[in-house]
Amino acid sequence: MQKAEQKEKEKRQRERLRSLELQRDKLHKAAWSVLL
């Protein structure tokens, strides 16, 4: 039971990290297109 919860938590954390990275990527592209 405990192990499953741990896995679930890690999965959510990874998904959050990935979406954060995607957002940062979008910001980066937007910033570059503004600068150039």
PDB file of N, CA and C in Angstrom:
ATOM      1  N   MET A   1       0.835  -1.208   0.000  1.00  0.00           N
ATOM      2  CA  MET A   1       0.000   0.000   0.000  1.00  0.00           C
ATOM      3  C   MET A   1       0.865   1.252   0.000  1.00  0.00           C
ATOM      4  N   GLN A   2       1.811   1.270   0.919  1.00  0.00           N
ATOM      5  CA  GLN A   2       2.695   2.432   1.029  1.00  0.00           C
ATOM      6  C   GLN A   2       3.483   2.647  -0.258  1.00  0.00           C
ATOM      7  N   LYS A   3       3.961   1.534  -0.821  1.00  0.00           N
ATOM      8  CA  LYS A   3       4.810   1.615  -2.014  1.00  0.00           C
ATOM      9  C   LYS A   3       4.040   2.229  -3.186  1.00  0.00           C
ATOM     10  N   ALA A   4       2.783   1.819  -3.324  1.00  0.00           N
ATOM     11  CA  ALA A   4       1.959   2.341  -4.419  1.00  0.00           C
ATOM     12  C   ALA A   4       1.789   3.849  -4.274  1.00  0.00           C
ATOM     13  N   GLU A   5       1.566   4.300  -3.044  1.00  0.00           N
ATOM     14  CA  GLU A   5       1.422   5.740  -2.815  1.00  0.00           C
ATOM     15  C   GLU A   5       2.693   6.472  -3.206  1.00  0.00           C
ATOM     16  N   GLN A   6       3.826   5.889  -2.843  1.00  0.00           N
ATOM     17  CA  GLN A   6       5.120   6.504  -3.170  1.00  0.00           C
ATOM     18  C   GLN A   6       5.271   6.637  -4.682  1.00  0.00           C
ATOM     19  N   LYS A   7       4.953   5.555  -5.395  1.00  0.00           N
ATOM     20  CA  LYS A   7       5.053   5.579  -6.863  1.00  0.00           C
ATOM     21  C   LYS A   7       4.163   6.672  -7.435  1.00  0.00           C
ATOM     22  N   GLU A   8       2.940   6.743  -6.914  1.00  0.00           N
ATOM     23  CA  GLU A   8       1.977   7.734  -7.393  1.00  0.00           C
ATOM     24  C   GLU A   8       2.511   9.149  -7.184  1.00  0.00           C
ATOM     25  N   LYS A   9       3.090   9.370  -6.009  1.00  0.00           N
ATOM     26  CA  LYS A   9       3.644  10.691  -5.685  1.00  0.00           C
ATOM     27  C   LYS A   9       4.778  11.044  -6.645  1.00  0.00           C
ATOM     28  N   GLU A  10       5.660  10.063  -6.886  1.00  0.00           N
ATOM     29  CA  GLU A  10       6.795  10.305  -7.785  1.00  0.00           C
ATOM     30  C   GLU A  10       6.304  10.602  -9.197  1.00  0.00           C
ATOM     31  N   LYS A  11       5.273   9.874  -9.618  1.00  0.00           N
ATOM     32  CA  LYS A  11       4.740  10.092 -10.965  1.00  0.00           C
ATOM     33  C   LYS A  11       4.202  11.515 -11.090  1.00  0.00           C
ATOM     34  N   ARG A  12       3.431  11.938 -10.070  1.00  0.00           N
ATOM     35  CA  ARG A  12       2.889  13.303 -10.108  1.00  0.00           C
ATOM     36  C   ARG A  12       4.003  14.326 -10.144  1.00  0.00           C
ATOM     37  N   GLN A  13       5.053  14.089  -9.348  1.00  0.00           N
ATOM     38  CA  GLN A  13       6.170  15.032  -9.301  1.00  0.00           C
ATOM     39  C   GLN A  13       6.829  15.149 -10.673  1.00  0.00           C
ATOM     40  N   ARG A  14       7.047  13.991 -11.305  1.00  0.00           N
ATOM     41  CA  ARG A  14       7.677  14.004 -12.636  1.00  0.00           C
ATOM     42  C   ARG A  14       6.809  14.755 -13.632  1.00  0.00           C
ATOM     43  N   GLU A  15       5.486  14.515 -13.583  1.00  0.00           N
ATOM     44  CA  GLU A  15       4.589  15.193 -14.517  1.00  0.00           C
ATOM     45  C   GLU A  15       4.629  16.696 -14.301  1.00  0.00           C
ATOM     46  N   ARG A  16       4.679  17.114 -13.022  1.00  0.00           N
ATOM     47  CA  ARG A  16       4.729  18.544 -12.726  1.00  0.00           C
ATOM     48  C   ARG A  16       6.027  19.132 -13.270  1.00  0.00           C
ATOM     49  N   LEU A  17       7.129  18.414 -13.068  1.00  0.00           N
ATOM     50  CA  LEU A  17       8.421  18.892 -13.571  1.00  0.00           C
ATOM     51  C   LEU A  17       8.390  19.030 -15.084  1.00  0.00           C
ATOM     52  N   ARG A  18       7.804  18.029 -15.738  1.00  0.00           N
ATOM     53  CA  ARG A  18       7.767  18.069 -17.196  1.00  0.00           C
ATOM     54  C   ARG A  18       6.944  19.259 -17.681  1.00  0.00           C
ATOM     55  N   SER A  19       5.802  19.513 -17.056  1.00  0.00           N
ATOM     56  CA  SER A  19       4.979  20.640 -17.497  1.00  0.00           C
ATOM     57  C   SER A  19       5.687  21.958 -17.218  1.00  0.00           C
ATOM     58  N   LEU A  20       6.434  22.020 -16.099  1.00  0.00           N
ATOM     59  CA  LEU A  20       7.213  23.228 -15.811  1.00  0.00           C
ATOM     60  C   LEU A  20       8.256  23.451 -16.888  1.00  0.00           C
ATOM     61  N   GLU A  21       8.921  22.376 -17.294  1.00  0.00           N
ATOM     62  CA  GLU A  21       9.949  22.500 -18.333  1.00  0.00           C
ATOM     63  C   GLU A  21       9.328  22.929 -19.656  1.00  0.00           C
ATOM     64  N   LEU A  22       8.142  22.395 -19.958  1.00  0.00           N
ATOM     65  CA  LEU A  22       7.461  22.792 -21.194  1.00  0.00           C
ATOM     66  C   LEU A  22       7.125  24.277 -21.157  1.00  0.00           C
ATOM     67  N   GLN A  23       6.634  24.747 -20.014  1.00  0.00           N
ATOM     68  CA  GLN A  23       6.314  26.171 -19.880  1.00  0.00           C
ATOM     69  C   GLN A  23       7.560  27.017 -20.062  1.00  0.00           C
ATOM     70  N   ARG A  24       8.658  26.594 -19.435  1.00  0.00           N
ATOM     71  CA  ARG A  24       9.905  27.352 -19.544  1.00  0.00           C
ATOM     72  C   ARG A  24      10.368  27.385 -21.002  1.00  0.00           C
ATOM     73  N   ASP A  25      10.184  26.247 -21.678  1.00  0.00           N
ATOM     74  CA  ASP A  25      10.551  26.168 -23.089  1.00  0.00           C
ATOM     75  C   ASP A  25       9.752  27.181 -23.907  1.00  0.00           C
ATOM     76  N   LYS A  26       8.446  27.236 -23.641  1.00  0.00           N
ATOM     77  CA  LYS A  26       7.592  28.188 -24.367  1.00  0.00           C
ATOM     78  C   LYS A  26       8.041  29.610 -24.096  1.00  0.00           C
ATOM     79  N   LEU A  27       8.314  29.907 -22.826  1.00  0.00           N
ATOM     80  CA  LEU A  27       8.773  31.254 -22.467  1.00  0.00           C
ATOM     81  C   LEU A  27      10.058  31.585 -23.198  1.00  0.00           C
ATOM     82  N   HIS A  28      10.963  30.622 -23.228  1.00  0.00           N
ATOM     83  CA  HIS A  28      12.245  30.807 -23.914  1.00  0.00           C
ATOM     84  C   HIS A  28      12.022  31.166 -25.381  1.00  0.00           C
ATOM     85  N   LYS A  29      11.187  30.357 -26.046  1.00  0.00           N
ATOM     86  CA  LYS A  29      10.924  30.604 -27.472  1.00  0.00           C
ATOM     87  C   LYS A  29      10.285  31.966 -27.667  1.00  0.00           C
ATOM     88  N   ALA A  30       9.331  32.309 -26.817  1.00  0.00           N
ATOM     89  CA  ALA A  30       8.657  33.604 -26.931  1.00  0.00           C
ATOM     90  C   ALA A  30       9.661  34.733 -26.740  1.00  0.00           C
ATOM     91  N   ALA A  31      10.509  34.597 -25.724  1.00  0.00           N
ATOM     92  CA  ALA A  31      11.511  35.631 -25.450  1.00  0.00           C
ATOM     93  C   ALA A  31      12.442  35.794 -26.640  1.00  0.00           C
ATOM     94  N   TRP A  32      12.875  34.668 -27.215  1.00  0.00           N
ATOM     95  CA  TRP A  32      13.787  34.751 -28.355  1.00  0.00           C
ATOM     96  C   TRP A  32      13.116  35.401 -29.552  1.00  0.00           C
ATOM     97  N   SER A  33      11.869  35.028 -29.816  1.00  0.00           N
ATOM     98  CA  SER A  33      11.192  35.607 -30.982  1.00  0.00           C
ATOM     99  C   SER A  33      10.986  37.106 -30.784  1.00  0.00           C
ATOM    100  N   VAL A  34      10.851  37.548 -29.529  1.00  0.00           N
ATOM    101  CA  VAL A  34      10.736  38.987 -29.251  1.00  0.00           C
ATOM    102  C   VAL A  34      12.084  39.657 -29.460  1.00  0.00           C
ATOM    103  N   LEU A  35      13.141  39.012 -28.960  1.00  0.00           N
ATOM    104  CA  LEU A  35      14.478  39.615 -29.048  1.00  0.00           C
ATOM    105  C   LEU A  35      14.975  39.704 -30.480  1.00  0.00           C
ATOM    106  N   LEU A  36      14.644  38.689 -31.282  1.00  0.00           N
ATOM    107  CA  LEU A  36      15.230  38.648 -32.633  1.00  0.00           C
ATOM    108  C   LEU A  36      14.401  39.391 -33.665  1.00  0.00           C
TER     109      LEU A  36
END
